[in-house]
Amino acid sequence: QAPGKERDGVSCMSSDGSTYYTDSVK
């Protein structure tokens, strides 16, 4: 959560190891 901004997902990993990255950090 950046100043004055909404909370955003950055990166995630499922229990089986699948991953997600938001475009801005990929």
mmCIF file of all heavy atoms, coordinates in Angstrom:
data_MODEL
# 
_entry.id   MODEL 
# 
loop_
_atom_site.group_PDB 
_atom_site.id 
_atom_site.type_symbol 
_atom_site.label_atom_id 
_atom_site.label_alt_id 
_atom_site.label_comp_id 
_atom_site.label_asym_id 
_atom_site.label_entity_id 
_atom_site.label_seq_id 
_atom_site.pdbx_PDB_ins_code 
_atom_site.Cartn_x 
_atom_site.Cartn_y 
_atom_site.Cartn_z 
_atom_site.occupancy 
_atom_site.B_iso_or_equiv 
_atom_site.pdbx_formal_charge 
_atom_site.auth_seq_id 
_atom_site.auth_comp_id 
_atom_site.auth_asym_id 
_atom_site.auth_atom_id 
_atom_site.pdbx_PDB_model_num 
ATOM 1   N N   . GLN A 1 1  ? 0.851  -1.172  0.000   1.00 0.00 ? 1  GLN A N   1 
ATOM 2   C CA  . GLN A 1 1  ? 0.000  0.000   0.000   1.00 0.00 ? 1  GLN A CA  1 
ATOM 3   C C   . GLN A 1 1  ? 0.896  1.234   0.000   1.00 0.00 ? 1  GLN A C   1 
ATOM 4   O O   . GLN A 1 1  ? 1.601  1.499   0.973   1.00 0.00 ? 1  GLN A O   1 
ATOM 5   C CB  . GLN A 1 1  ? -0.936 0.018   1.206   1.00 0.00 ? 1  GLN A CB  1 
ATOM 6   C CG  . GLN A 1 1  ? -1.949 1.143   1.163   1.00 0.00 ? 1  GLN A CG  1 
ATOM 7   C CD  . GLN A 1 1  ? -3.054 0.963   2.180   1.00 0.00 ? 1  GLN A CD  1 
ATOM 8   O OE1 . GLN A 1 1  ? -2.889 0.263   3.173   1.00 0.00 ? 1  GLN A OE1 1 
ATOM 9   N NE2 . GLN A 1 1  ? -4.191 1.592   1.932   1.00 0.00 ? 1  GLN A NE2 1 
ATOM 10  N N   . ALA A 1 2  ? 0.862  1.955   -1.109  1.00 0.00 ? 2  ALA A N   1 
ATOM 11  C CA  . ALA A 1 2  ? 1.626  3.186   -1.248  1.00 0.00 ? 2  ALA A CA  1 
ATOM 12  C C   . ALA A 1 2  ? 0.845  4.339   -0.639  1.00 0.00 ? 2  ALA A C   1 
ATOM 13  O O   . ALA A 1 2  ? -0.380 4.262   -0.473  1.00 0.00 ? 2  ALA A O   1 
ATOM 14  C CB  . ALA A 1 2  ? 1.924  3.458   -2.717  1.00 0.00 ? 2  ALA A CB  1 
ATOM 15  N N   . PRO A 1 3  ? 1.532  5.433   -0.306  1.00 0.00 ? 3  PRO A N   1 
ATOM 16  C CA  . PRO A 1 3  ? 0.829  6.579   0.277   1.00 0.00 ? 3  PRO A CA  1 
ATOM 17  C C   . PRO A 1 3  ? -0.306 7.053   -0.613  1.00 0.00 ? 3  PRO A C   1 
ATOM 18  O O   . PRO A 1 3  ? -0.120 7.296   -1.807  1.00 0.00 ? 3  PRO A O   1 
ATOM 19  C CB  . PRO A 1 3  ? 1.927  7.637   0.384   1.00 0.00 ? 3  PRO A CB  1 
ATOM 20  C CG  . PRO A 1 3  ? 3.194  6.854   0.502   1.00 0.00 ? 3  PRO A CG  1 
ATOM 21  C CD  . PRO A 1 3  ? 2.988  5.653   -0.379  1.00 0.00 ? 3  PRO A CD  1 
ATOM 22  N N   . GLY A 1 4  ? -1.485 7.168   -0.039  1.00 0.00 ? 4  GLY A N   1 
ATOM 23  C CA  . GLY A 1 4  ? -2.644 7.643   -0.763  1.00 0.00 ? 4  GLY A CA  1 
ATOM 24  C C   . GLY A 1 4  ? -3.220 6.675   -1.778  1.00 0.00 ? 4  GLY A C   1 
ATOM 25  O O   . GLY A 1 4  ? -4.088 7.073   -2.565  1.00 0.00 ? 4  GLY A O   1 
ATOM 26  N N   . LYS A 1 5  ? -2.768 5.433   -1.769  1.00 0.00 ? 5  LYS A N   1 
ATOM 27  C CA  . LYS A 1 5  ? -3.214 4.451   -2.753  1.00 0.00 ? 5  LYS A CA  1 
ATOM 28  C C   . LYS A 1 5  ? -3.907 3.268   -2.085  1.00 0.00 ? 5  LYS A C   1 
ATOM 29  O O   . LYS A 1 5  ? -3.810 3.064   -0.882  1.00 0.00 ? 5  LYS A O   1 
ATOM 30  C CB  . LYS A 1 5  ? -2.023 3.944   -3.579  1.00 0.00 ? 5  LYS A CB  1 
ATOM 31  C CG  . LYS A 1 5  ? -1.263 5.017   -4.329  1.00 0.00 ? 5  LYS A CG  1 
ATOM 32  C CD  . LYS A 1 5  ? -2.098 5.614   -5.433  1.00 0.00 ? 5  LYS A CD  1 
ATOM 33  C CE  . LYS A 1 5  ? -1.279 6.589   -6.259  1.00 0.00 ? 5  LYS A CE  1 
ATOM 34  N NZ  . LYS A 1 5  ? -2.084 7.172   -7.359  1.00 0.00 ? 5  LYS A NZ  1 
ATOM 35  N N   . GLU A 1 6  ? -4.595 2.487   -2.900  1.00 0.00 ? 6  GLU A N   1 
ATOM 36  C CA  . GLU A 1 6  ? -5.222 1.262   -2.430  1.00 0.00 ? 6  GLU A CA  1 
ATOM 37  C C   . GLU A 1 6  ? -4.167 0.176   -2.256  1.00 0.00 ? 6  GLU A C   1 
ATOM 38  O O   . GLU A 1 6  ? -3.091 0.226   -2.855  1.00 0.00 ? 6  GLU A O   1 
ATOM 39  C CB  . GLU A 1 6  ? -6.283 0.786   -3.422  1.00 0.00 ? 6  GLU A CB  1 
ATOM 40  C CG  . GLU A 1 6  ? -7.403 1.766   -3.683  1.00 0.00 ? 6  GLU A CG  1 
ATOM 41  C CD  . GLU A 1 6  ? -8.467 1.738   -2.614  1.00 0.00 ? 6  GLU A CD  1 
ATOM 42  O OE1 . GLU A 1 6  ? -8.347 0.944   -1.665  1.00 0.00 ? 6  GLU A OE1 1 
ATOM 43  O OE2 . GLU A 1 6  ? -9.427 2.510   -2.715  1.00 0.00 ? 6  GLU A OE2 1 
ATOM 44  N N   . ARG A 1 7  ? -4.488 -0.820  -1.442  1.00 0.00 ? 7  ARG A N   1 
ATOM 45  C CA  . ARG A 1 7  ? -3.614 -1.972  -1.289  1.00 0.00 ? 7  ARG A CA  1 
ATOM 46  C C   . ARG A 1 7  ? -3.662 -2.836  -2.535  1.00 0.00 ? 7  ARG A C   1 
ATOM 47  O O   . ARG A 1 7  ? -4.745 -3.169  -3.030  1.00 0.00 ? 7  ARG A O   1 
ATOM 48  C CB  . ARG A 1 7  ? -4.029 -2.789  -0.064  1.00 0.00 ? 7  ARG A CB  1 
ATOM 49  C CG  . ARG A 1 7  ? -3.078 -3.938  0.254   1.00 0.00 ? 7  ARG A CG  1 
ATOM 50  C CD  . ARG A 1 7  ? -3.637 -4.823  1.342   1.00 0.00 ? 7  ARG A CD  1 
ATOM 51  N NE  . ARG A 1 7  ? -4.822 -5.542  0.890   1.00 0.00 ? 7  ARG A NE  1 
ATOM 52  C CZ  . ARG A 1 7  ? -5.582 -6.294  1.668   1.00 0.00 ? 7  ARG A CZ  1 
ATOM 53  N NH1 . ARG A 1 7  ? -5.294 -6.411  2.957   1.00 0.00 ? 7  ARG A NH1 1 
ATOM 54  N NH2 . ARG A 1 7  ? -6.637 -6.919  1.166   1.00 0.00 ? 7  ARG A NH2 1 
ATOM 55  N N   . ASP A 1 8  ? -2.516 -3.203  -3.055  1.00 0.00 ? 8  ASP A N   1 
ATOM 56  C CA  . ASP A 1 8  ? -2.423 -3.985  -4.277  1.00 0.00 ? 8  ASP A CA  1 
ATOM 57  C C   . ASP A 1 8  ? -1.634 -5.267  -4.044  1.00 0.00 ? 8  ASP A C   1 
ATOM 58  O O   . ASP A 1 8  ? -0.690 -5.291  -3.261  1.00 0.00 ? 8  ASP A O   1 
ATOM 59  C CB  . ASP A 1 8  ? -1.731 -3.196  -5.384  1.00 0.00 ? 8  ASP A CB  1 
ATOM 60  C CG  . ASP A 1 8  ? -2.515 -1.992  -5.837  1.00 0.00 ? 8  ASP A CG  1 
ATOM 61  O OD1 . ASP A 1 8  ? -3.747 -2.096  -5.957  1.00 0.00 ? 8  ASP A OD1 1 
ATOM 62  O OD2 . ASP A 1 8  ? -1.890 -0.943  -6.085  1.00 0.00 ? 8  ASP A OD2 1 
ATOM 63  N N   . GLY A 1 9  ? -2.012 -6.310  -4.761  1.00 0.00 ? 9  GLY A N   1 
ATOM 64  C CA  . GLY A 1 9  ? -1.237 -7.536  -4.744  1.00 0.00 ? 9  GLY A CA  1 
ATOM 65  C C   . GLY A 1 9  ? 0.046  -7.358  -5.527  1.00 0.00 ? 9  GLY A C   1 
ATOM 66  O O   . GLY A 1 9  ? 0.044  -6.794  -6.621  1.00 0.00 ? 9  GLY A O   1 
ATOM 67  N N   . VAL A 1 10 ? 1.138  -7.841  -4.985  1.00 0.00 ? 10 VAL A N   1 
ATOM 68  C CA  . VAL A 1 10 ? 2.449  -7.743  -5.619  1.00 0.00 ? 10 VAL A CA  1 
ATOM 69  C C   . VAL A 1 10 ? 2.882  -9.078  -6.197  1.00 0.00 ? 10 VAL A C   1 
ATOM 70  O O   . VAL A 1 10 ? 3.230  -9.182  -7.382  1.00 0.00 ? 10 VAL A O   1 
ATOM 71  C CB  . VAL A 1 10 ? 3.504  -7.237  -4.625  1.00 0.00 ? 10 VAL A CB  1 
ATOM 72  C CG1 . VAL A 1 10 ? 4.883  -7.196  -5.274  1.00 0.00 ? 10 VAL A CG1 1 
ATOM 73  C CG2 . VAL A 1 10 ? 3.118  -5.864  -4.087  1.00 0.00 ? 10 VAL A CG2 1 
ATOM 74  N N   . SER A 1 11 ? 2.878  -10.100 -5.376  1.00 0.00 ? 11 SER A N   1 
ATOM 75  C CA  . SER A 1 11 ? 3.307  -11.423 -5.793  1.00 0.00 ? 11 SER A CA  1 
ATOM 76  C C   . SER A 1 11 ? 2.683  -12.465 -4.882  1.00 0.00 ? 11 SER A C   1 
ATOM 77  O O   . SER A 1 11 ? 2.531  -12.229 -3.686  1.00 0.00 ? 11 SER A O   1 
ATOM 78  C CB  . SER A 1 11 ? 4.833  -11.527 -5.751  1.00 0.00 ? 11 SER A CB  1 
ATOM 79  O OG  . SER A 1 11 ? 5.271  -12.798 -6.182  1.00 0.00 ? 11 SER A OG  1 
ATOM 80  N N   . CYS A 1 12 ? 2.352  -13.611 -5.457  1.00 0.00 ? 12 CYS A N   1 
ATOM 81  C CA  . CYS A 1 12 ? 1.727  -14.687 -4.696  1.00 0.00 ? 12 CYS A CA  1 
ATOM 82  C C   . CYS A 1 12 ? 2.290  -16.031 -5.121  1.00 0.00 ? 12 CYS A C   1 
ATOM 83  O O   . CYS A 1 12 ? 2.787  -16.192 -6.235  1.00 0.00 ? 12 CYS A O   1 
ATOM 84  C CB  . CYS A 1 12 ? 0.210  -14.713 -4.902  1.00 0.00 ? 12 CYS A CB  1 
ATOM 85  S SG  . CYS A 1 12 ? -0.648 -13.181 -4.496  1.00 0.00 ? 12 CYS A SG  1 
ATOM 86  N N   . MET A 1 13 ? 2.171  -16.993 -4.240  1.00 0.00 ? 13 MET A N   1 
ATOM 87  C CA  . MET A 1 13 ? 2.531  -18.368 -4.542  1.00 0.00 ? 13 MET A CA  1 
ATOM 88  C C   . MET A 1 13 ? 1.493  -19.288 -3.919  1.00 0.00 ? 13 MET A C   1 
ATOM 89  O O   . MET A 1 13 ? 1.203  -19.192 -2.731  1.00 0.00 ? 13 MET A O   1 
ATOM 90  C CB  . MET A 1 13 ? 3.924  -18.706 -4.013  1.00 0.00 ? 13 MET A CB  1 
ATOM 91  C CG  . MET A 1 13 ? 4.337  -20.151 -4.289  1.00 0.00 ? 13 MET A CG  1 
ATOM 92  S SD  . MET A 1 13 ? 5.972  -20.565 -3.630  1.00 0.00 ? 13 MET A SD  1 
ATOM 93  C CE  . MET A 1 13 ? 7.018  -19.661 -4.784  1.00 0.00 ? 13 MET A CE  1 
ATOM 94  N N   . SER A 1 14 ? 0.940  -20.195 -4.721  1.00 0.00 ? 14 SER A N   1 
ATOM 95  C CA  . SER A 1 14 ? -0.019 -21.160 -4.225  1.00 0.00 ? 14 SER A CA  1 
ATOM 96  C C   . SER A 1 14 ? 0.704  -22.265 -3.457  1.00 0.00 ? 14 SER A C   1 
ATOM 97  O O   . SER A 1 14 ? 1.932  -22.364 -3.461  1.00 0.00 ? 14 SER A O   1 
ATOM 98  C CB  . SER A 1 14 ? -0.815 -21.759 -5.378  1.00 0.00 ? 14 SER A CB  1 
ATOM 99  O OG  . SER A 1 14 ? 0.016  -22.575 -6.191  1.00 0.00 ? 14 SER A OG  1 
ATOM 100 N N   . SER A 1 15 ? -0.085 -23.112 -2.806  1.00 0.00 ? 15 SER A N   1 
ATOM 101 C CA  . SER A 1 15 ? 0.508  -24.204 -2.037  1.00 0.00 ? 15 SER A CA  1 
ATOM 102 C C   . SER A 1 15 ? 1.253  -25.195 -2.923  1.00 0.00 ? 15 SER A C   1 
ATOM 103 O O   . SER A 1 15 ? 2.138  -25.902 -2.435  1.00 0.00 ? 15 SER A O   1 
ATOM 104 C CB  . SER A 1 15 ? -0.569 -24.929 -1.226  1.00 0.00 ? 15 SER A CB  1 
ATOM 105 O OG  . SER A 1 15 ? -1.563 -25.479 -2.066  1.00 0.00 ? 15 SER A OG  1 
ATOM 106 N N   . ASP A 1 16 ? 0.916  -25.254 -4.222  1.00 0.00 ? 16 ASP A N   1 
ATOM 107 C CA  . ASP A 1 16 ? 1.612  -26.154 -5.137  1.00 0.00 ? 16 ASP A CA  1 
ATOM 108 C C   . ASP A 1 16 ? 2.753  -25.472 -5.891  1.00 0.00 ? 16 ASP A C   1 
ATOM 109 O O   . ASP A 1 16 ? 3.370  -26.083 -6.765  1.00 0.00 ? 16 ASP A O   1 
ATOM 110 C CB  . ASP A 1 16 ? 0.643  -26.807 -6.120  1.00 0.00 ? 16 ASP A CB  1 
ATOM 111 C CG  . ASP A 1 16 ? 0.035  -25.836 -7.118  1.00 0.00 ? 16 ASP A CG  1 
ATOM 112 O OD1 . ASP A 1 16 ? 0.375  -24.637 -7.089  1.00 0.00 ? 16 ASP A OD1 1 
ATOM 113 O OD2 . ASP A 1 16 ? -0.791 -26.281 -7.940  1.00 0.00 ? 16 ASP A OD2 1 
ATOM 114 N N   . GLY A 1 17 ? 3.031  -24.202 -5.583  1.00 0.00 ? 17 GLY A N   1 
ATOM 115 C CA  . GLY A 1 17 ? 4.171  -23.519 -6.157  1.00 0.00 ? 17 GLY A CA  1 
ATOM 116 C C   . GLY A 1 17 ? 3.899  -22.615 -7.335  1.00 0.00 ? 17 GLY A C   1 
ATOM 117 O O   . GLY A 1 17 ? 4.838  -21.985 -7.850  1.00 0.00 ? 17 GLY A O   1 
ATOM 118 N N   . SER A 1 18 ? 2.661  -22.524 -7.795  1.00 0.00 ? 18 SER A N   1 
ATOM 119 C CA  . SER A 1 18 ? 2.340  -21.587 -8.866  1.00 0.00 ? 18 SER A CA  1 
ATOM 120 C C   . SER A 1 18 ? 2.532  -20.165 -8.379  1.00 0.00 ? 18 SER A C   1 
ATOM 121 O O   . SER A 1 18 ? 2.257  -19.857 -7.218  1.00 0.00 ? 18 SER A O   1 
ATOM 122 C CB  . SER A 1 18 ? 0.905  -21.782 -9.342  1.00 0.00 ? 18 SER A CB  1 
ATOM 123 O OG  . SER A 1 18 ? 0.715  -23.081 -9.864  1.00 0.00 ? 18 SER A OG  1 
ATOM 124 N N   . THR A 1 19 ? 2.985  -19.280 -9.259  1.00 0.00 ? 19 THR A N   1 
ATOM 125 C CA  . THR A 1 19 ? 3.294  -17.914 -8.852  1.00 0.00 ? 19 THR A CA  1 
ATOM 126 C C   . THR A 1 19 ? 2.540  -16.890 -9.679  1.00 0.00 ? 19 THR A C   1 
ATOM 127 O O   . THR A 1 19 ? 2.114  -17.145 -10.805 1.00 0.00 ? 19 THR A O   1 
ATOM 128 C CB  . THR A 1 19 ? 4.795  -17.614 -8.949  1.00 0.00 ? 19 THR A CB  1 
ATOM 129 O OG1 . THR A 1 19 ? 5.239  -17.842 -10.296 1.00 0.00 ? 19 THR A OG1 1 
ATOM 130 C CG2 . THR A 1 19 ? 5.579  -18.494 -7.997  1.00 0.00 ? 19 THR A CG2 1 
ATOM 131 N N   . TYR A 1 20 ? 2.394  -15.728 -9.092  1.00 0.00 ? 20 TYR A N   1 
ATOM 132 C CA  . TYR A 1 20 ? 1.790  -14.571 -9.730  1.00 0.00 ? 20 TYR A CA  1 
ATOM 133 C C   . TYR A 1 20 ? 2.643  -13.356 -9.402  1.00 0.00 ? 20 TYR A C   1 
ATOM 134 O O   . TYR A 1 20 ? 3.132  -13.210 -8.277  1.00 0.00 ? 20 TYR A O   1 
ATOM 135 C CB  . TYR A 1 20 ? 0.363  -14.347 -9.216  1.00 0.00 ? 20 TYR A CB  1 
ATOM 136 C CG  . TYR A 1 20 ? -0.120 -12.922 -9.381  1.00 0.00 ? 20 TYR A CG  1 
ATOM 137 C CD1 . TYR A 1 20 ? -0.651 -12.483 -10.588 1.00 0.00 ? 20 TYR A CD1 1 
ATOM 138 C CD2 . TYR A 1 20 ? -0.020 -12.010 -8.337  1.00 0.00 ? 20 TYR A CD2 1 
ATOM 139 C CE1 . TYR A 1 20 ? -1.080 -11.178 -10.750 1.00 0.00 ? 20 TYR A CE1 1 
ATOM 140 C CE2 . TYR A 1 20 ? -0.439 -10.700 -8.486  1.00 0.00 ? 20 TYR A CE2 1 
ATOM 141 C CZ  . TYR A 1 20 ? -0.971 -10.293 -9.700  1.00 0.00 ? 20 TYR A CZ  1 
ATOM 142 O OH  . TYR A 1 20 ? -1.388 -8.991  -9.848  1.00 0.00 ? 20 TYR A OH  1 
ATOM 143 N N   . TYR A 1 21 ? 2.814  -12.482 -10.405 1.00 0.00 ? 21 TYR A N   1 
ATOM 144 C CA  . TYR A 1 21 ? 3.457  -11.198 -10.201 1.00 0.00 ? 21 TYR A CA  1 
ATOM 145 C C   . TYR A 1 21 ? 2.644  -10.127 -10.905 1.00 0.00 ? 21 TYR A C   1 
ATOM 146 O O   . TYR A 1 21 ? 2.250  -10.306 -12.063 1.00 0.00 ? 21 TYR A O   1 
ATOM 147 C CB  . TYR A 1 21 ? 4.880  -11.172 -10.757 1.00 0.00 ? 21 TYR A CB  1 
ATOM 148 C CG  . TYR A 1 21 ? 5.817  -12.141 -10.086 1.00 0.00 ? 21 TYR A CG  1 
ATOM 149 C CD1 . TYR A 1 21 ? 6.015  -13.423 -10.597 1.00 0.00 ? 21 TYR A CD1 1 
ATOM 150 C CD2 . TYR A 1 21 ? 6.508  -11.785 -8.935  1.00 0.00 ? 21 TYR A CD2 1 
ATOM 151 C CE1 . TYR A 1 21 ? 6.865  -14.316 -9.982  1.00 0.00 ? 21 TYR A CE1 1 
ATOM 152 C CE2 . TYR A 1 21 ? 7.360  -12.665 -8.313  1.00 0.00 ? 21 TYR A CE2 1 
ATOM 153 C CZ  . TYR A 1 21 ? 7.540  -13.933 -8.841  1.00 0.00 ? 21 TYR A CZ  1 
ATOM 154 O OH  . TYR A 1 21 ? 8.393  -14.821 -8.222  1.00 0.00 ? 21 TYR A OH  1 
ATOM 155 N N   . THR A 1 22 ? 2.419  -9.032  -10.231 1.00 0.00 ? 22 THR A N   1 
ATOM 156 C CA  . THR A 1 22 ? 1.779  -7.916  -10.898 1.00 0.00 ? 22 THR A CA  1 
ATOM 157 C C   . THR A 1 22 ? 2.728  -7.373  -11.965 1.00 0.00 ? 22 THR A C   1 
ATOM 158 O O   . THR A 1 22 ? 3.955  -7.466  -11.834 1.00 0.00 ? 22 THR A O   1 
ATOM 159 C CB  . THR A 1 22 ? 1.376  -6.829  -9.883  1.00 0.00 ? 22 THR A CB  1 
ATOM 160 O OG1 . THR A 1 22 ? 0.537  -5.864  -10.514 1.00 0.00 ? 22 THR A OG1 1 
ATOM 161 C CG2 . THR A 1 22 ? 2.594  -6.132  -9.305  1.00 0.00 ? 22 THR A CG2 1 
ATOM 162 N N   . ASP A 1 23 ? 2.168  -6.837  -13.040 1.00 0.00 ? 23 ASP A N   1 
ATOM 163 C CA  . ASP A 1 23 ? 2.975  -6.453  -14.192 1.00 0.00 ? 23 ASP A CA  1 
ATOM 164 C C   . ASP A 1 23 ? 4.101  -5.480  -13.837 1.00 0.00 ? 23 ASP A C   1 
ATOM 165 O O   . ASP A 1 23 ? 5.189  -5.542  -14.416 1.00 0.00 ? 23 ASP A O   1 
ATOM 166 C CB  . ASP A 1 23 ? 2.096  -5.831  -15.281 1.00 0.00 ? 23 ASP A CB  1 
ATOM 167 C CG  . ASP A 1 23 ? 1.255  -6.852  -16.014 1.00 0.00 ? 23 ASP A CG  1 
ATOM 168 O OD1 . ASP A 1 23 ? 1.537  -8.057  -15.897 1.00 0.00 ? 23 ASP A OD1 1 
ATOM 169 O OD2 . ASP A 1 23 ? 0.313  -6.434  -16.717 1.00 0.00 ? 23 ASP A OD2 1 
ATOM 170 N N   . SER A 1 24 ? 3.855  -4.594  -12.905 1.00 0.00 ? 24 SER A N   1 
ATOM 171 C CA  . SER A 1 24 ? 4.830  -3.564  -12.595 1.00 0.00 ? 24 SER A CA  1 
ATOM 172 C C   . SER A 1 24 ? 6.091  -4.098  -11.918 1.00 0.00 ? 24 SER A C   1 
ATOM 173 O O   . SER A 1 24 ? 7.110  -3.401  -11.881 1.00 0.00 ? 24 SER A O   1 
ATOM 174 C CB  . SER A 1 24 ? 4.202  -2.476  -11.719 1.00 0.00 ? 24 SER A CB  1 
ATOM 175 O OG  . SER A 1 24 ? 3.780  -3.000  -10.478 1.00 0.00 ? 24 SER A OG  1 
ATOM 176 N N   . VAL A 1 25 ? 6.045  -5.318  -11.383 1.00 0.00 ? 25 VAL A N   1 
ATOM 177 C CA  . VAL A 1 25 ? 7.214  -5.876  -10.704 1.00 0.00 ? 25 VAL A CA  1 
ATOM 178 C C   . VAL A 1 25 ? 7.774  -7.099  -11.405 1.00 0.00 ? 25 VAL A C   1 
ATOM 179 O O   . VAL A 1 25 ? 8.842  -7.598  -11.010 1.00 0.00 ? 25 VAL A O   1 
ATOM 180 C CB  . VAL A 1 25 ? 6.918  -6.227  -9.227  1.00 0.00 ? 25 VAL A CB  1 
ATOM 181 C CG1 . VAL A 1 25 ? 6.266  -5.053  -8.518  1.00 0.00 ? 25 VAL A CG1 1 
ATOM 182 C CG2 . VAL A 1 25 ? 6.051  -7.477  -9.118  1.00 0.00 ? 25 VAL A CG2 1 
ATOM 183 N N   . LYS A 1 26 ? 7.106  -7.574  -12.431 1.00 0.00 ? 26 LYS A N   1 
ATOM 184 C CA  . LYS A 1 26 ? 7.541  -8.787  -13.111 1.00 0.00 ? 26 LYS A CA  1 
ATOM 185 C C   . LYS A 1 26 ? 8.941  -8.602  -13.687 1.00 0.00 ? 26 LYS A C   1 
ATOM 186 O O   . LYS A 1 26 ? 9.230  -7.608  -14.347 1.00 0.00 ? 26 LYS A O   1 
ATOM 187 C CB  . LYS A 1 26 ? 6.555  -9.161  -14.215 1.00 0.00 ? 26 LYS A CB  1 
ATOM 188 C CG  . LYS A 1 26 ? 6.748  -10.565 -14.752 1.00 0.00 ? 26 LYS A CG  1 
ATOM 189 C CD  . LYS A 1 26 ? 5.602  -10.979 -15.663 1.00 0.00 ? 26 LYS A CD  1 
ATOM 190 C CE  . LYS A 1 26 ? 5.741  -12.427 -16.099 1.00 0.00 ? 26 LYS A CE  1 
ATOM 191 N NZ  . LYS A 1 26 ? 4.600  -12.846 -16.948 1.00 0.00 ? 26 LYS A NZ  1 
# 
